[in-house]
C-alpha atoms as a PDB file:
ATOM      1  CA  UNK A   1      -0.042   0.128   0.115  1.00  0.00           C
ATOM      2  CA  UNK A   2       1.625   3.920  -0.751  1.00  0.00           C
ATOM      3  CA  UNK A   3       1.320   5.983   1.260  1.00  0.00           C
ATOM      4  CA  UNK A   4      -1.408   7.893  -0.648  1.00  0.00           C
ATOM      5  CA  UNK A   5      -3.350   4.721   0.402  1.00  0.00           C
ATOM      6  CA  UNK A   6      -2.509   4.656   3.682  1.00  0.00           C
ATOM      7  CA  UNK A   7      -3.508   8.259   4.251  1.00  0.00           C
ATOM      8  CA  UNK A   8      -6.765   8.246   2.199  1.00  0.00           C
ATOM      9  CA  UNK A   9      -8.044   4.923   4.310  1.00  0.00           C
ATOM     10  CA  UNK A  10      -7.249   6.674   8.021  1.00  0.00           C
ATOM     11  CA  UNK A  11      -8.436   9.821   6.595  1.00  0.00           C
ATOM     12  CA  UNK A  12     -11.488   8.828   4.548  1.00  0.00           C
ATOM     13  CA  UNK A  13     -12.083   6.094   7.975  1.00  0.00           C
ATOM     14  CA  UNK A  14     -11.691   8.971  10.843  1.00  0.00           C
ATOM     15  CA  UNK A  15     -14.334  11.213   8.069  1.00  0.00           C
ATOM     16  CA  UNK A  16     -17.348   8.452   7.801  1.00  0.00           C
ATOM     17  CA  UNK A  17     -17.060   7.190  10.999  1.00  0.00           C
ATOM     18  CA  UNK A  18     -17.224  11.337  12.577  1.00  0.00           C
ATOM     19  CA  UNK A  19     -20.399  12.180  10.461  1.00  0.00           C
ATOM     20  CA  UNK A  20     -22.264   8.749  10.895  1.00  0.00           C
ATOM     21  CA  UNK A  21     -21.046   8.227  14.707  1.00  0.00           C
ATOM     22  CA  UNK A  22     -19.283   5.158  14.554  1.00  0.00           C
ATOM     23  CA  UNK A  23     -16.313   4.127  16.267  1.00  0.00           C
ATOM     24  CA  UNK A  24     -13.785   3.430  13.909  1.00  0.00           C
ATOM     25  CA  UNK A  25     -12.747   0.700  16.209  1.00  0.00           C
ATOM     26  CA  UNK A  26     -15.714  -1.676  15.364  1.00  0.00           C
ATOM     27  CA  UNK A  27     -15.273  -1.787  12.162  1.00  0.00           C
ATOM     28  CA  UNK A  28     -13.243  -4.758  11.608  1.00  0.00           C
ATOM     29  CA  UNK A  29     -15.525  -6.380  13.779  1.00  0.00           C
ATOM     30  CA  UNK A  30     -17.488  -9.583  12.690  1.00  0.00           C
ATOM     31  CA  UNK A  31     -21.019  -7.712  13.504  1.00  0.00           C
ATOM     32  CA  UNK A  32     -23.345  -6.931  10.483  1.00  0.00           C
ATOM     33  CA  UNK A  33     -25.142  -4.511  12.863  1.00  0.00           C
ATOM     34  CA  UNK A  34     -26.989  -1.493  10.351  1.00  0.00           C
ATOM     35  CA  UNK A  35     -24.651   1.175  11.926  1.00  0.00           C
ATOM     36  CA  UNK A  36     -21.632  -0.495  11.280  1.00  0.00           C
ATOM     37  CA  UNK A  37     -22.012  -2.012   8.125  1.00  0.00           C
ATOM     38  CA  UNK A  38     -23.082   1.513   5.989  1.00  0.00           C
ATOM     39  CA  UNK A  39     -20.349   2.936   7.709  1.00  0.00           C
ATOM     40  CA  UNK A  40     -18.026  -0.083   6.560  1.00  0.00           C
ATOM     41  CA  UNK A  41     -20.019   0.185   2.639  1.00  0.00           C
ATOM     42  CA  UNK A  42     -19.196   4.239   2.998  1.00  0.00           C
ATOM     43  CA  UNK A  43     -15.350   3.301   3.094  1.00  0.00           C
ATOM     44  CA  UNK A  44     -14.976   0.281   0.505  1.00  0.00           C
ATOM     45  CA  UNK A  45     -17.117   3.086  -2.039  1.00  0.00           C
ATOM     46  CA  UNK A  46     -14.684   6.249  -1.257  1.00  0.00           C
ATOM     47  CA  UNK A  47     -11.719   4.071  -1.056  1.00  0.00           C
ATOM     48  CA  UNK A  48     -12.660   2.415  -4.320  1.00  0.00           C
ATOM     49  CA  UNK A  49     -12.816   5.962  -5.902  1.00  0.00           C
ATOM     50  CA  UNK A  50     -10.114   8.115  -4.193  1.00  0.00           C
ATOM     51  CA  UNK A  51      -7.659   4.715  -4.235  1.00  0.00           C
ATOM     52  CA  UNK A  52      -6.370   2.063  -6.637  1.00  0.00           C
ATOM     53  CA  UNK A  53      -6.173   0.142  -4.012  1.00  0.00           C
ATOM     54  CA  UNK A  54      -7.986  -3.657  -5.187  1.00  0.00           C
ATOM     55  CA  UNK A  55     -11.362  -5.323  -3.595  1.00  0.00           C
ATOM     56  CA  UNK A  56      -9.313  -8.341  -1.538  1.00  0.00           C
ATOM     57  CA  UNK A  57      -6.374  -4.946  -0.476  1.00  0.00           C
ATOM     58  CA  UNK A  58      -9.870  -3.125   0.438  1.00  0.00           C
ATOM     59  CA  UNK A  59     -11.217  -6.399   2.718  1.00  0.00           C
ATOM     60  CA  UNK A  60      -8.031  -6.977   4.027  1.00  0.00           C
ATOM     61  CA  UNK A  61      -8.005  -3.687   6.004  1.00  0.00           C
ATOM     62  CA  UNK A  62     -11.189  -4.469   7.806  1.00  0.00           C
ATOM     63  CA  UNK A  63     -10.662  -8.410   7.852  1.00  0.00           C
ATOM     64  CA  UNK A  64     -13.415  -9.500   5.371  1.00  0.00           C
ATOM     65  CA  UNK A  65     -13.741 -11.061   2.107  1.00  0.00           C
ATOM     66  CA  UNK A  66     -13.007  -9.272  -0.906  1.00  0.00           C
ATOM     67  CA  UNK A  67     -16.609 -10.357  -2.114  1.00  0.00           C
ATOM     68  CA  UNK A  68     -17.846  -8.898   0.388  1.00  0.00           C
ATOM     69  CA  UNK A  69     -16.094  -5.172  -0.068  1.00  0.00           C
ATOM     70  CA  UNK A  70     -18.082  -5.163  -4.089  1.00  0.00           C
ATOM     71  CA  UNK A  71     -20.868  -5.918  -2.001  1.00  0.00           C
ATOM     72  CA  UNK A  72     -20.699  -3.276   0.087  1.00  0.00           C
ATOM     73  CA  UNK A  73     -19.784  -1.316  -2.904  1.00  0.00           C
ATOM     74  CA  UNK A  74     -22.846  -2.044  -4.552  1.00  0.00           C
ATOM     75  CA  UNK A  75     -25.070  -1.573  -1.984  1.00  0.00           C
ATOM     76  CA  UNK A  76     -23.424   1.707  -0.892  1.00  0.00           C
ATOM     77  CA  UNK A  77     -24.462   3.375  -4.681  1.00  0.00           C
ATOM     78  CA  UNK A  78     -27.587   2.070  -4.176  1.00  0.00           C
ATOM     79  CA  UNK A  79     -28.765   3.825  -1.018  1.00  0.00           C
ATOM     80  CA  UNK A  80     -26.635   7.388  -2.572  1.00  0.00           C
ATOM     81  CA  UNK A  81     -29.827   7.170  -5.378  1.00  0.00           C
ATOM     82  CA  UNK A  82     -31.940   6.410  -3.205  1.00  0.00           C
ATOM     83  CA  UNK A  83     -32.020   8.191  -0.147  1.00  0.00           C
ATOM     84  CA  UNK A  84     -30.399  11.545  -0.536  1.00  0.00           C
ATOM     85  CA  UNK A  85     -29.439  11.742   3.632  1.00  0.00           C
ATOM     86  CA  UNK A  86     -26.841   9.052   3.072  1.00  0.00           C
ATOM     87  CA  UNK A  87     -25.277  11.528  -0.931  1.00  0.00           C
ATOM     88  CA  UNK A  88     -25.555  14.820   1.574  1.00  0.00           C
ATOM     89  CA  UNK A  89     -23.421  12.405   4.308  1.00  0.00           C
ATOM     90  CA  UNK A  90     -21.152  12.504   1.433  1.00  0.00           C
ATOM     91  CA  UNK A  91     -20.595  15.695   0.675  1.00  0.00           C
ATOM     92  CA  UNK A  92     -20.266  16.373   4.094  1.00  0.00           C
ATOM     93  CA  UNK A  93     -16.999  13.477   3.759  1.00  0.00           C
ATOM     94  CA  UNK A  94     -15.858  14.539   0.988  1.00  0.00           C
ATOM     95  CA  UNK A  95     -15.014  17.993   2.262  1.00  0.00           C
END
C-alpha cells in the first residue's frame, strides 16, 4: 500500500466514522449492525473512488472477503441513489 493509500484509508475512515457517529474500532469486528455495516460500505465505496486499492486489499483492511467489499460498494451506490441523506452525508465527508 502506498503512502497515499494509507493516508486515504486513515482520513476516509476518520471522516466517515465522525459523520455517521461510529467508532473506527468496531469496523473490523464481525458484526452486521446497520450503522456499522453502512459505515464500512461508505468507506469501501470511497476507497474505490479515491485510490487504486483492489477489492482484496480493501477487504484485508477490514478483515473481510473481497466479495463483501464488492457487495458493500454496490449496496452503497444504491443507497446514494435511493436516500438523499446518504448523499448529503457523503458530501459532508468529502469537504
